Protein backbone atom coordinates (compact mmCIF):
# COMPACT_ATOMS: atom_id res chain seq x y z
CA MET A 1 -120.86 113.52 23.72
CA ILE A 2 -118.83 115.94 21.39
CA PRO A 3 -119.38 118.61 23.92
CA ARG A 4 -118.50 116.07 26.69
CA LEU A 5 -114.90 114.86 24.90
CA ILE A 6 -114.01 118.62 24.74
CA GLU A 7 -114.52 119.47 28.09
CA TRP A 8 -112.40 116.12 28.94
CA SER A 9 -109.60 117.37 27.04
CA LEU A 10 -109.50 120.97 28.92
CA ARG A 11 -109.45 118.73 32.17
CA ASN A 12 -106.78 116.41 31.14
CA ARG A 13 -104.77 118.48 29.22
CA PHE A 14 -101.21 116.72 30.08
CA LEU A 15 -102.78 113.68 29.23
CA VAL A 16 -103.93 114.61 25.68
CA ALA A 17 -100.67 116.40 24.36
CA CYS A 18 -99.03 113.25 26.11
CA GLY A 19 -101.12 111.20 23.47
CA THR A 20 -100.18 113.66 20.69
CA LEU A 21 -96.51 113.37 21.09
CA LEU A 22 -97.30 109.80 21.19
CA LEU A 23 -99.34 110.00 18.06
CA ILE A 24 -96.66 112.20 16.24
CA ALA A 25 -93.70 109.38 17.26
CA LEU A 26 -95.82 106.28 15.76
CA GLY A 27 -96.83 108.33 12.97
CA ILE A 28 -92.74 109.28 12.24
CA PHE A 29 -92.04 105.59 12.87
CA GLU A 30 -94.52 104.18 10.17
CA VAL A 31 -93.76 106.84 7.84
CA ARG A 32 -89.95 105.79 7.66
CA ARG A 33 -91.46 102.15 7.58
CA ALA A 34 -94.47 102.53 4.81
CA PRO A 35 -94.39 100.15 2.05
CA VAL A 36 -93.57 102.12 -0.70
CA ASP A 37 -93.99 101.52 -4.55
CA ALA A 38 -95.19 103.74 -7.93
CA ILE A 39 -98.74 102.47 -8.28
CA PRO A 40 -101.67 100.73 -6.36
CA ASP A 41 -101.30 96.58 -7.39
CA LEU A 42 -104.12 96.22 -9.49
CA SER A 43 -103.48 92.52 -10.67
CA GLU A 44 -105.60 89.69 -9.69
CA ASN A 45 -105.84 87.44 -6.68
CA GLN A 46 -103.94 84.90 -8.30
CA VAL A 47 -102.04 81.70 -7.90
CA ILE A 48 -100.14 80.45 -11.06
CA VAL A 49 -99.72 76.40 -11.64
CA PHE A 50 -97.57 75.19 -14.39
CA ALA A 51 -96.58 71.32 -15.82
CA ASP A 52 -93.79 70.63 -18.20
CA TRP A 53 -94.55 67.50 -20.73
CA GLU A 54 -91.43 67.58 -22.84
CA GLY A 55 -92.17 67.01 -26.60
CA ARG A 56 -96.05 66.67 -26.74
CA ALA A 57 -97.60 68.55 -29.14
CA PRO A 58 -100.01 71.74 -27.90
CA ARG A 59 -103.28 69.68 -28.43
CA GLU A 60 -102.04 66.29 -26.59
CA VAL A 61 -101.00 69.10 -23.55
CA GLU A 62 -104.12 70.66 -23.77
CA ASP A 63 -106.57 66.84 -23.83
CA GLN A 64 -104.15 65.48 -21.41
CA VAL A 65 -102.82 67.77 -19.08
CA THR A 66 -104.53 71.51 -18.95
CA TYR A 67 -107.57 70.11 -19.33
CA PRO A 68 -107.86 67.41 -16.39
CA LEU A 69 -106.45 70.40 -14.38
CA SER A 70 -108.89 72.91 -14.98
CA THR A 71 -111.21 71.14 -14.20
CA GLN A 72 -110.40 69.75 -10.79
CA LEU A 73 -109.47 73.54 -10.09
CA GLN A 74 -112.74 74.85 -10.92
CA GLY A 75 -114.08 73.41 -7.59
CA LEU A 76 -112.41 75.39 -4.84
CA ALA A 77 -113.41 77.76 -2.42
CA GLY A 78 -113.44 81.35 -3.57
CA VAL A 79 -112.50 81.05 -7.00
CA LYS A 80 -113.82 83.29 -9.68
CA ALA A 81 -111.86 81.56 -12.61
CA VAL A 82 -109.60 79.46 -14.29
CA ARG A 83 -107.43 80.51 -17.43
CA ALA A 84 -105.62 78.17 -18.98
CA GLN A 85 -102.83 77.86 -21.79
CA SER A 86 -101.80 75.01 -23.97
CA MET A 87 -98.30 75.43 -25.41
CA PHE A 88 -95.49 72.81 -26.93
CA GLY A 89 -94.61 70.27 -23.93
CA PHE A 90 -95.76 73.26 -21.32
CA SER A 91 -99.27 73.89 -19.90
CA LEU A 92 -100.07 76.89 -17.99
CA LEU A 93 -103.33 77.97 -15.48
CA THR A 94 -103.66 80.62 -13.83
CA VAL A 95 -106.60 80.18 -10.84
CA ILE A 96 -108.17 83.63 -10.18
CA PHE A 97 -109.79 83.50 -6.62
CA ARG A 98 -111.58 86.44 -4.68
CA ASP A 99 -109.75 89.30 -3.29
CA ASP A 100 -111.02 88.67 0.07
CA VAL A 101 -109.18 85.23 0.33
CA ASP A 102 -105.88 85.54 1.80
CA ASN A 103 -103.32 84.19 -1.34
CA TYR A 104 -101.59 81.75 0.77
CA PHE A 105 -104.66 79.97 1.90
CA ALA A 106 -105.75 80.22 -2.02
CA ARG A 107 -102.03 78.41 -2.31
CA SER A 108 -102.32 75.68 -0.05
CA ARG A 109 -105.90 74.88 -1.54
CA VAL A 110 -105.07 74.44 -5.01
CA LEU A 111 -101.46 72.50 -3.53
CA GLU A 112 -103.91 70.01 -1.80
CA ARG A 113 -105.85 69.60 -4.95
CA LEU A 114 -102.51 69.07 -7.23
CA ASN A 115 -101.98 65.82 -4.65
CA SER A 116 -105.07 64.46 -5.29
CA ILE A 117 -105.69 64.66 -9.11
CA GLY A 118 -101.68 63.37 -9.73
CA ASP A 119 -103.15 59.87 -10.98
CA SER A 120 -105.44 61.38 -13.38
CA LEU A 121 -102.09 63.06 -15.24
CA PRO A 122 -99.55 61.23 -17.69
CA VAL A 123 -96.62 59.51 -16.33
CA GLY A 124 -94.18 62.00 -15.48
CA VAL A 125 -96.34 64.86 -15.33
CA SER A 126 -96.14 66.73 -12.37
CA PRO A 127 -97.49 70.11 -11.78
CA LYS A 128 -95.91 72.60 -9.60
CA LEU A 129 -97.22 76.01 -8.47
CA GLY A 130 -95.60 79.33 -9.35
CA PRO A 131 -93.74 82.13 -7.34
CA ASP A 132 -95.98 83.65 -4.64
CA ALA A 133 -95.70 86.93 -6.43
CA SER A 134 -98.78 89.34 -8.02
CA GLY A 135 -98.94 90.38 -11.40
CA LEU A 136 -96.82 93.90 -10.26
CA GLY A 137 -94.08 91.68 -8.99
CA TRP A 138 -91.52 92.17 -11.30
CA VAL A 139 -89.61 94.96 -9.72
CA TYR A 140 -86.06 94.53 -11.32
CA GLN A 141 -84.09 93.24 -14.76
CA TYR A 142 -80.57 92.65 -14.98
CA TYR A 143 -77.82 91.36 -17.37
CA LEU A 144 -74.27 89.97 -17.20
CA ASP A 145 -72.21 92.37 -19.18
CA VAL A 146 -68.78 91.13 -20.22
CA ASP A 147 -65.59 93.27 -20.83
CA PRO A 148 -63.96 91.70 -23.83
CA SER A 149 -60.50 93.24 -22.62
CA LYS A 150 -60.96 90.58 -19.66
CA GLY A 151 -62.11 87.59 -20.82
CA SER A 152 -63.95 86.02 -22.82
CA TYR A 153 -67.28 83.99 -22.30
CA ASP A 154 -69.70 82.29 -24.15
CA LEU A 155 -73.55 81.90 -23.47
CA GLY A 156 -73.19 78.66 -21.89
CA ARG A 157 -70.89 79.66 -18.92
CA LEU A 158 -72.57 82.88 -18.22
CA ARG A 159 -76.09 80.86 -17.93
CA ALA A 160 -74.19 78.80 -15.35
CA GLU A 161 -72.86 81.45 -13.35
CA GLN A 162 -76.49 83.14 -13.57
CA ASP A 163 -78.18 79.43 -12.56
CA TYR A 164 -75.68 78.08 -10.19
CA PHE A 165 -74.38 81.30 -7.84
CA ILE A 166 -75.93 85.23 -8.77
CA ARG A 167 -79.49 82.97 -8.89
CA TYR A 168 -79.21 81.74 -5.50
CA ALA A 169 -77.62 84.27 -3.96
CA LEU A 170 -80.78 86.42 -4.93
CA GLN A 171 -83.78 84.59 -4.26
CA SER A 172 -81.88 84.66 -0.54
CA VAL A 173 -82.87 88.57 -0.26
CA PRO A 174 -85.46 88.75 2.01
CA GLY A 175 -89.04 89.99 0.11
CA VAL A 176 -88.07 88.22 -3.13
CA ALA A 177 -90.06 85.20 -4.63
CA GLU A 178 -88.12 84.21 -8.16
CA VAL A 179 -85.34 84.96 -9.74
CA ALA A 180 -86.19 84.12 -13.43
CA SER A 181 -83.45 83.20 -15.81
CA VAL A 182 -83.27 84.64 -19.45
CA GLY A 183 -81.25 84.15 -22.24
CA GLY A 184 -77.85 81.72 -22.88
CA PHE A 185 -77.53 78.70 -23.28
CA VAL A 186 -78.67 75.82 -20.27
CA ARG A 187 -75.83 73.47 -20.63
CA GLN A 188 -75.88 70.09 -21.00
CA TRP A 189 -74.34 66.57 -22.44
CA GLN A 190 -75.96 65.88 -25.49
CA ILE A 191 -75.51 62.06 -27.15
CA GLU A 192 -75.65 62.08 -30.60
CA VAL A 193 -76.53 58.43 -31.59
CA SER A 194 -76.09 57.20 -35.50
CA SER A 195 -78.92 54.94 -36.45
CA PHE A 196 -76.50 52.83 -39.13
CA LYS A 197 -74.28 52.58 -36.22
CA MET A 198 -76.51 51.42 -34.16
CA LYS A 199 -78.25 49.04 -36.61
CA ALA A 200 -74.93 47.47 -37.28
CA ALA A 201 -74.24 46.68 -33.50
CA GLY A 202 -78.16 45.73 -33.24
CA VAL A 203 -78.59 48.12 -30.18
CA SER A 204 -82.14 50.26 -29.55
CA LEU A 205 -82.21 53.34 -28.78
CA ASP A 206 -84.25 51.86 -25.59
CA GLU A 207 -81.26 50.27 -24.40
CA VAL A 208 -78.93 53.55 -25.00
CA MET A 209 -81.03 55.43 -23.07
CA THR A 210 -81.29 52.93 -19.99
CA ALA A 211 -77.47 52.19 -20.25
CA VAL A 212 -77.01 56.12 -19.87
CA GLY A 213 -79.89 56.43 -17.17
CA GLN A 214 -77.69 53.29 -14.77
CA SER A 215 -74.61 55.07 -15.48
CA SER A 216 -74.87 58.26 -14.19
CA LEU A 217 -75.72 56.90 -10.71
CA ASN A 218 -74.37 56.74 -7.37
CA VAL A 219 -74.88 53.42 -5.43
CA GLY A 220 -74.86 52.71 -1.73
CA GLY A 221 -73.45 49.75 0.00
CA ARG A 222 -72.69 48.33 3.67
CA VAL A 223 -70.28 49.45 6.43
CA ILE A 224 -67.33 47.55 6.69
CA GLU A 225 -65.48 47.45 10.09
CA GLU A 226 -62.01 46.97 10.36
CA ASN A 227 -59.20 47.86 13.05
CA GLY A 228 -62.26 49.52 14.88
CA MET A 229 -63.48 51.68 12.36
CA GLU A 230 -66.22 51.89 10.02
CA PHE A 231 -65.82 52.51 6.34
CA VAL A 232 -68.73 53.00 4.20
CA VAL A 233 -69.14 51.32 0.97
CA ARG A 234 -70.00 53.34 -2.00
CA GLY A 235 -70.21 53.75 -6.07
CA LEU A 236 -69.38 56.87 -7.47
CA GLY A 237 -70.95 56.66 -11.10
CA LEU A 238 -71.92 60.25 -11.62
CA VAL A 239 -70.83 61.72 -15.27
CA LYS A 240 -67.93 64.46 -15.20
CA SER A 241 -66.42 64.29 -18.32
CA ALA A 242 -67.44 63.68 -21.87
CA ALA A 243 -65.16 59.99 -21.63
CA ASP A 244 -67.13 58.58 -18.80
CA LEU A 245 -70.49 58.77 -20.77
CA GLU A 246 -67.98 57.09 -23.96
CA HIS A 247 -67.05 53.84 -21.87
CA VAL A 248 -70.60 53.73 -20.85
CA VAL A 249 -71.17 49.76 -22.04
CA LEU A 250 -74.27 49.26 -23.78
CA ARG A 251 -74.25 45.09 -24.46
CA GLU A 252 -71.70 42.62 -24.95
CA ARG A 253 -71.41 40.73 -28.24
CA GLU A 254 -69.81 37.86 -28.32
CA GLY A 255 -67.65 38.66 -25.20
CA THR A 256 -66.99 41.94 -26.61
CA PRO A 257 -68.40 45.27 -25.16
CA ILE A 258 -70.23 47.51 -26.87
CA PHE A 259 -69.26 51.27 -25.47
CA LEU A 260 -71.51 54.55 -26.23
CA ARG A 261 -68.67 55.83 -28.24
CA ASP A 262 -69.27 52.99 -30.46
CA VAL A 263 -72.69 54.39 -31.69
CA ALA A 264 -73.15 57.57 -30.43
CA ARG A 265 -71.12 61.48 -30.44
CA ILE A 266 -71.06 62.93 -27.39
CA GLU A 267 -70.51 66.65 -26.75
CA VAL A 268 -71.38 69.63 -24.43
CA GLY A 269 -74.58 71.39 -25.84
CA GLY A 270 -77.40 74.12 -24.93
CA ASP A 271 -80.91 73.15 -23.98
CA PHE A 272 -84.13 73.40 -26.27
CA ARG A 273 -84.90 76.78 -25.75
CA ARG A 274 -88.03 79.17 -26.90
CA GLY A 275 -86.71 83.17 -26.98
CA ALA A 276 -83.46 84.88 -26.08
CA LEU A 277 -82.13 88.24 -24.58
CA ASP A 278 -81.60 91.32 -26.02
CA VAL A 279 -78.97 94.16 -25.39
CA ASN A 280 -78.31 96.65 -27.71
CA GLY A 281 -78.29 94.37 -30.61
CA HIS A 282 -76.11 91.85 -28.45
CA GLU A 283 -77.59 88.30 -27.00
CA VAL A 284 -77.02 88.91 -23.23
CA VAL A 285 -77.53 86.63 -20.14
CA GLY A 286 -79.86 87.97 -17.41
CA GLY A 287 -82.51 87.45 -14.57
CA VAL A 288 -85.84 88.91 -13.82
CA VAL A 289 -85.78 89.41 -9.96
CA VAL A 290 -90.00 88.89 -8.82
CA MET A 291 -90.85 90.60 -5.47
CA ARG A 292 -93.42 88.05 -3.23
CA THR A 293 -96.94 89.48 -2.54
CA GLY A 294 -97.37 91.81 -0.34
CA GLU A 295 -93.61 93.53 0.82
CA ASN A 296 -92.20 96.81 0.14
CA ALA A 297 -91.16 97.56 -3.55
CA HIS A 298 -88.54 99.99 -2.91
CA ALA A 299 -87.27 98.00 0.00
CA VAL A 300 -86.36 94.76 -1.62
CA ILE A 301 -84.91 96.59 -4.73
CA LYS A 302 -82.71 98.13 -2.07
CA ALA A 303 -81.59 94.80 -0.72
CA VAL A 304 -81.12 93.35 -4.22
CA LYS A 305 -78.95 95.96 -5.25
CA GLU A 306 -76.63 95.12 -1.90
CA GLU A 307 -76.23 91.50 -2.69
CA ILE A 308 -75.18 92.26 -6.33
CA ALA A 309 -72.63 94.80 -5.03
CA ARG A 310 -71.63 92.11 -2.24
CA ILE A 311 -71.33 89.20 -4.60
CA ALA A 312 -69.77 91.49 -7.39
CA PRO A 313 -66.50 90.61 -6.01
CA SER A 314 -67.07 86.63 -6.58
CA LEU A 315 -67.99 86.96 -10.34
CA PRO A 316 -65.61 85.98 -12.94
CA ALA A 317 -62.69 88.46 -14.22
CA GLY A 318 -64.50 90.73 -16.92
CA VAL A 319 -68.11 90.00 -15.91
CA THR A 320 -70.77 92.43 -14.14
CA ILE A 321 -74.13 92.95 -13.56
CA LYS A 322 -75.82 95.53 -14.99
CA PRO A 323 -80.00 96.53 -14.15
CA PHE A 324 -81.55 97.71 -17.28
CA TYR A 325 -84.78 97.73 -15.90
CA ASP A 326 -85.49 99.10 -11.93
CA ARG A 327 -88.67 100.02 -10.42
CA SER A 328 -87.41 101.78 -7.87
CA GLU A 329 -86.26 105.24 -9.92
CA LEU A 330 -89.88 105.27 -11.25
CA ILE A 331 -91.06 104.92 -7.32
CA ASP A 332 -88.33 108.09 -6.50
CA ARG A 333 -89.67 110.06 -9.50
CA THR A 334 -93.42 109.28 -8.40
CA ILE A 335 -93.02 109.99 -4.56
CA GLY A 336 -90.79 112.70 -4.96
CA THR A 337 -93.59 114.59 -6.97
CA LEU A 338 -95.72 113.99 -4.66
CA LYS A 339 -93.48 115.02 -1.12
CA HIS A 340 -92.85 118.40 -3.71
CA ALA A 341 -96.58 118.95 -3.58
CA LEU A 342 -97.50 118.07 -0.42
CA ILE A 343 -94.99 120.29 1.17
CA GLU A 344 -95.61 123.35 -0.94
CA GLU A 345 -99.27 123.04 -0.47
CA VAL A 346 -98.54 122.99 3.48
CA ILE A 347 -96.48 125.90 3.02
CA LEU A 348 -99.16 127.73 0.70
CA VAL A 349 -101.70 127.06 3.53
CA THR A 350 -99.73 128.35 6.17
CA LEU A 351 -99.08 131.91 4.45
CA ALA A 352 -102.64 132.20 3.67
CA HIS A 353 -103.11 131.68 8.00
CA ILE A 354 -100.47 133.91 8.28
CA ILE A 355 -101.93 136.83 5.44
CA PHE A 356 -105.69 136.25 7.22
CA LEU A 357 -105.50 136.19 10.47
CA PHE A 358 -102.29 137.88 11.23
CA HIS A 359 -101.90 136.26 14.75
CA PHE A 360 -98.74 133.93 15.22
CA ARG A 361 -100.25 132.16 18.40
CA SER A 362 -103.64 131.51 16.03
CA VAL A 363 -101.36 130.62 13.05
CA LEU A 364 -99.72 127.93 15.14
CA ILE A 365 -103.16 126.78 16.47
CA VAL A 366 -104.59 125.91 13.51
CA THR A 367 -101.27 124.92 11.34
CA PHE A 368 -100.77 122.36 13.79
CA PRO A 369 -103.60 119.64 13.24
CA LEU A 370 -102.00 119.52 9.55
CA PRO A 371 -99.11 117.84 9.82
CA VAL A 372 -100.19 115.40 12.84
CA SER A 373 -103.07 114.82 10.87
CA ILE A 374 -101.29 113.41 7.10
CA LEU A 375 -99.02 111.30 10.18
CA ILE A 376 -102.48 110.06 11.84
CA SER A 377 -103.54 108.57 8.13
CA PHE A 378 -100.03 107.06 7.53
CA VAL A 379 -100.50 104.93 11.06
CA LEU A 380 -104.12 104.09 9.52
CA MET A 381 -102.28 103.19 6.28
CA ARG A 382 -100.05 100.95 8.09
CA HIS A 383 -103.21 99.04 9.96
CA PHE A 384 -105.25 98.19 6.64
CA GLY A 385 -102.55 97.34 4.78
CA ILE A 386 -102.01 100.52 2.30
CA THR A 387 -98.86 101.30 0.74
CA SER A 388 -97.57 104.47 -0.18
CA ASN A 389 -98.19 104.93 -4.00
CA ILE A 390 -99.26 107.62 -6.32
CA MET A 391 -102.70 107.43 -5.26
CA SER A 392 -102.53 107.51 -1.71
CA LEU A 393 -100.76 110.05 -1.61
CA ALA A 394 -102.44 112.21 -4.02
CA GLY A 395 -105.55 111.12 -1.44
CA ILE A 396 -103.66 113.02 1.32
CA ALA A 397 -102.53 116.10 -1.01
CA ILE A 398 -106.79 116.30 -2.29
CA ALA A 399 -107.41 116.58 1.50
CA ILE A 400 -105.06 118.99 3.13
CA GLY A 401 -107.14 122.54 1.86
CA VAL A 402 -109.87 120.83 4.37
CA LEU A 403 -107.72 119.27 7.13
CA VAL A 404 -107.41 122.86 8.78
CA ASP A 405 -111.28 123.62 8.29
CA ALA A 406 -112.70 122.63 12.09
CA ALA A 407 -109.27 123.87 13.73
CA ILE A 408 -109.46 127.18 12.48
CA VAL A 409 -113.53 127.87 13.34
CA ILE A 410 -112.37 126.77 16.51
CA THR A 411 -109.90 129.17 17.32
CA GLU A 412 -111.59 132.16 15.47
CA ASN A 413 -114.70 131.37 17.70
CA VAL A 414 -112.56 131.36 20.93
CA ILE A 415 -110.71 134.38 19.78
CA ARG A 416 -114.09 136.13 19.13
CA HIS A 417 -115.57 135.19 22.79
CA CYS A 418 -112.02 136.01 24.34
CA GLU A 419 -112.51 139.89 22.92
CA LYS A 420 -115.90 140.11 24.27
CA ALA A 421 -115.48 138.64 27.56
CA GLU A 422 -112.69 141.18 27.88
CA GLU A 423 -114.38 143.65 26.47
CA GLU A 424 -116.70 142.93 29.23
CA LYS A 425 -114.18 142.40 32.48
CA LYS A 426 -112.76 145.90 30.96
CA CYS A 427 -116.65 147.36 31.45
CA SER A 428 -116.76 146.12 34.28
CA VAL A 429 -113.59 147.22 35.99
CA LEU A 430 -114.47 150.77 34.47
CA SER A 431 -117.88 150.96 36.01
CA ALA A 432 -116.12 149.35 39.31
CA GLN A 433 -113.63 152.42 39.59
CA CYS A 434 -116.50 154.94 38.53
CA SER A 435 -118.47 153.99 41.40
CA ASP A 436 -115.97 154.38 43.58
CA GLY A 437 -115.24 158.09 42.51
CA ALA A 438 -112.35 157.67 40.59
CA SER A 439 -111.60 159.99 38.19
CA GLY A 440 -108.96 161.89 36.16
CA ALA A 441 -107.34 165.53 36.91
CA ASP A 442 -109.85 167.27 35.41
CA GLY A 443 -112.72 165.59 36.94
CA LYS A 444 -114.00 163.43 34.52
CA LYS A 445 -114.28 160.03 34.62
CA LEU A 446 -111.54 157.41 33.55
CA SER A 447 -111.40 156.09 30.15
CA THR A 448 -111.13 152.84 29.06
CA ASP A 449 -107.80 153.60 27.48
CA ALA A 450 -106.50 154.78 30.65
CA LEU A 451 -106.37 151.38 32.31
CA SER A 452 -103.61 149.08 32.52
CA THR A 453 -104.14 145.77 30.90
CA GLU A 454 -103.59 144.10 33.66
CA HIS A 455 -106.99 145.41 35.03
CA TYR A 456 -109.06 143.58 32.17
CA ARG A 457 -106.22 141.06 31.06
CA LEU A 458 -108.33 137.29 31.23
CA THR A 459 -107.45 134.84 33.74
CA ALA A 460 -106.13 131.34 33.23
CA ALA A 461 -108.90 130.11 34.70
CA GLU A 462 -111.57 132.74 32.64
CA THR A 463 -109.75 131.49 29.71
CA TRP A 464 -110.43 128.25 30.77
CA GLN A 465 -113.91 128.60 30.92
CA VAL A 466 -113.93 130.79 27.52
CA THR A 467 -112.26 128.38 25.25
CA LEU A 468 -114.97 125.44 27.05
CA LYS A 469 -117.67 127.63 26.23
CA ALA A 470 -116.65 128.63 22.48
CA ALA A 471 -115.11 125.09 21.38
CA GLN A 472 -118.57 122.83 22.49
CA GLN A 473 -120.82 125.78 20.88
CA VAL A 474 -119.46 125.06 17.25
CA GLY A 475 -117.86 121.25 18.07
CA ARG A 476 -120.87 119.40 17.00
CA PRO A 477 -121.70 121.32 13.99
CA ILE A 478 -117.89 120.79 13.01
CA PHE A 479 -117.95 117.34 13.53
CA PHE A 480 -120.88 116.60 11.87
CA ALA A 481 -119.86 118.75 8.93
CA MET A 482 -116.43 116.96 8.35
CA ALA A 483 -118.24 113.67 8.79
CA ILE A 484 -120.26 114.60 5.88
CA ILE A 485 -117.59 115.38 3.66
CA ILE A 486 -116.21 112.07 4.60
CA LEU A 487 -119.56 110.75 3.50
CA ALA A 488 -119.03 112.32 0.21
CA PHE A 489 -116.58 109.39 -0.65
CA VAL A 490 -118.83 106.92 -0.38
CA PRO A 491 -119.59 106.24 -4.13
CA VAL A 492 -115.77 105.72 -3.87
CA PHE A 493 -115.36 102.80 -1.74
CA ALA A 494 -118.59 101.23 -3.51
CA LEU A 495 -116.04 100.56 -6.60
CA SER A 496 -115.12 97.32 -7.24
CA GLY A 497 -112.65 95.23 -9.47
CA GLN A 498 -109.77 96.89 -10.63
CA GLU A 499 -111.42 100.21 -10.30
CA GLY A 500 -111.75 99.92 -6.97
CA LYS A 501 -107.85 98.60 -6.06
CA LEU A 502 -107.47 101.96 -8.09
CA PHE A 503 -109.59 104.47 -6.67
CA HIS A 504 -109.86 102.93 -2.82
CA PRO A 505 -106.53 104.04 -1.51
CA LEU A 506 -107.04 107.61 -2.61
CA ALA A 507 -110.34 107.64 -0.53
CA PHE A 508 -108.84 105.46 2.43
CA THR A 509 -106.06 107.90 2.91
CA LYS A 510 -108.45 110.89 2.31
CA THR A 511 -110.55 109.79 4.67
CA PHE A 512 -108.15 108.93 7.31
CA ALA A 513 -106.70 112.51 7.31
CA MET A 514 -109.75 114.07 8.18
CA ILE A 515 -111.06 111.93 10.65
CA GLY A 516 -107.62 112.75 12.12
CA SER A 517 -108.05 116.47 11.62
CA THR A 518 -111.81 116.02 13.00
CA ILE A 519 -110.42 114.01 16.49
CA LEU A 520 -107.86 116.74 16.98
CA ALA A 521 -110.17 119.49 16.56
CA VAL A 522 -112.21 118.58 19.71
CA THR A 523 -109.11 117.50 21.44
CA ILE A 524 -105.70 119.27 21.12
CA VAL A 525 -107.18 121.78 19.45
CA PRO A 526 -109.38 123.42 22.50
CA VAL A 527 -106.20 122.60 24.56
CA LEU A 528 -103.68 125.25 22.58
CA CYS A 529 -106.45 127.38 22.61
CA ALA A 530 -106.36 127.65 26.15
CA LEU A 531 -102.81 127.79 26.45
CA LEU A 532 -101.73 129.91 23.29
CA VAL A 533 -104.72 132.73 22.94
CA ARG A 534 -103.74 135.46 24.71
CA GLY A 535 -104.53 139.22 24.39
CA PRO A 536 -104.30 141.81 23.05
CA PHE A 537 -106.74 141.20 20.09
CA HIS A 538 -106.91 142.43 17.00
CA ARG A 539 -110.03 143.34 14.72
CA GLU A 540 -110.60 141.95 11.63
CA GLU A 541 -110.57 145.13 10.92
CA ASP A 542 -106.77 145.69 11.85
CA ASN A 543 -105.96 143.37 9.11
CA TRP A 544 -105.58 145.40 5.47
CA VAL A 545 -106.81 142.18 4.07
CA MET A 546 -109.81 141.42 5.66
CA ARG A 547 -110.72 144.99 5.62
CA ALA A 548 -110.24 145.44 1.67
CA LEU A 549 -112.49 141.91 1.91
CA LEU A 550 -115.09 143.05 4.21
CA ARG A 551 -115.89 145.82 1.97
CA ILE A 552 -116.51 144.00 -0.69
CA TYR A 553 -118.36 141.07 1.26
CA ASP A 554 -120.71 143.33 3.59
CA PRO A 555 -122.03 144.69 0.51
CA VAL A 556 -122.72 141.74 -0.69
CA LEU A 557 -124.10 139.86 1.93
CA ASP A 558 -126.62 143.06 2.54
CA TRP A 559 -127.55 142.65 -1.04
CA ALA A 560 -128.46 138.54 -0.90
CA LEU A 561 -130.29 139.25 2.53
CA THR A 562 -132.84 142.17 1.67
CA THR A 563 -133.43 140.84 -2.02
CA GLY A 564 -134.14 137.33 -0.29
């Protein structure tokens, strides 16, 4: 199979060259659009479920909300474990699925089960799904900075700006799963009732809650037709100010209405909260941008920054958005370090080829598969869903020293066969001249030095034949030698869990690059040898580096053979 592939490549040089150029273009395209992150995603395949039950103790939440939910969700297909936590007025469950289960399939199964168990939960409890994000989805965090010289805003006003303007704008960015608000106060109308006034007026707390709930409603009526036009009858009751609540009628006593202001005090206050956001000792309002599962972290952060710059002029005077966690900086430093390492390794390998081969066209042949193999690995990374991170790029860096081995062996063998063929042709030309009586002025036979290089230079057809023979001679051993090296990473592929998620990208990218270099060695490398290998050839002894190394290598080899 390998000899036939080499022969087909040499017979169809144009197709092989076009295919290689197309592969290079596709690789460059994939490099530009490859998802980039700092580290592999080691988090579990999870779906978050949460449910609110305000005012209830953790024990009640555990018995009536958390336990029914956890027992029902354990029976879903592909579920490994259900982790639950009960807190004051709140229940949080994390459903862990197997890694081979699609995340959106898992979310749909959980949602179906939640719809079927709603009757077993207390009235008013409605469990919801968390964002479609992984544990590594926290990519950007910011806070609202206020310039005191341009304006003064309380934490409630800043939280309202975050909740109703900034959050909605950032959630529209492609790849963002959720923007969570942190810090500040959620403004609300607070009704502080007086038990003494309520007792004096004969009003119960249930009446107050019912009256307030019914007063803050818009109602719809019928349509009235007048003069050929239709008018929609509406009742507007939404609360817009404290005065609207103060005039809410609780009941009538002897024809006199009892208003809410008679038994309570109405004011604007902050909702109950369990935490705060602190920056340099000052409480601030901020937000957390959570990325959707499988998205490009670097591209999402860039889009978020662009959206922040777009909405900045619409913020109140003196308010600016400042980041205090930006993963793109870590990504840039990580990828930059590996890029420098890759470039340095490519340069060092090329310099080693120049020093030891000392032949420009040969150096070009053996170096060409190096960048192309890297591009092939990026194409396969995109197909297998592997991001560009510190582990995947490290796999390419590890493989660089091996990527040129097959090309070196084939190129060296082709050069040696061409040298031998040229010597044989030179001898045959000299023998033909001697048989024809060719001699010098002194009557002696012509030496090989007297022949013109045109007499014994290999033609294109002869070079093709020699290249085919030389490449087929070492093609199969090279192919299986590279296959053995690739199989050495089988134990890494056998890892599972977080270890597998950490090291699989390294093993995959190294394997992809070696597969690319092996394929190039039996396709494009023989084609390049047939086109670029030309005489005059230099012996190894002509290179002073090789001459010095051979002085050490030859005696050691002779000693090993004699003692063995």
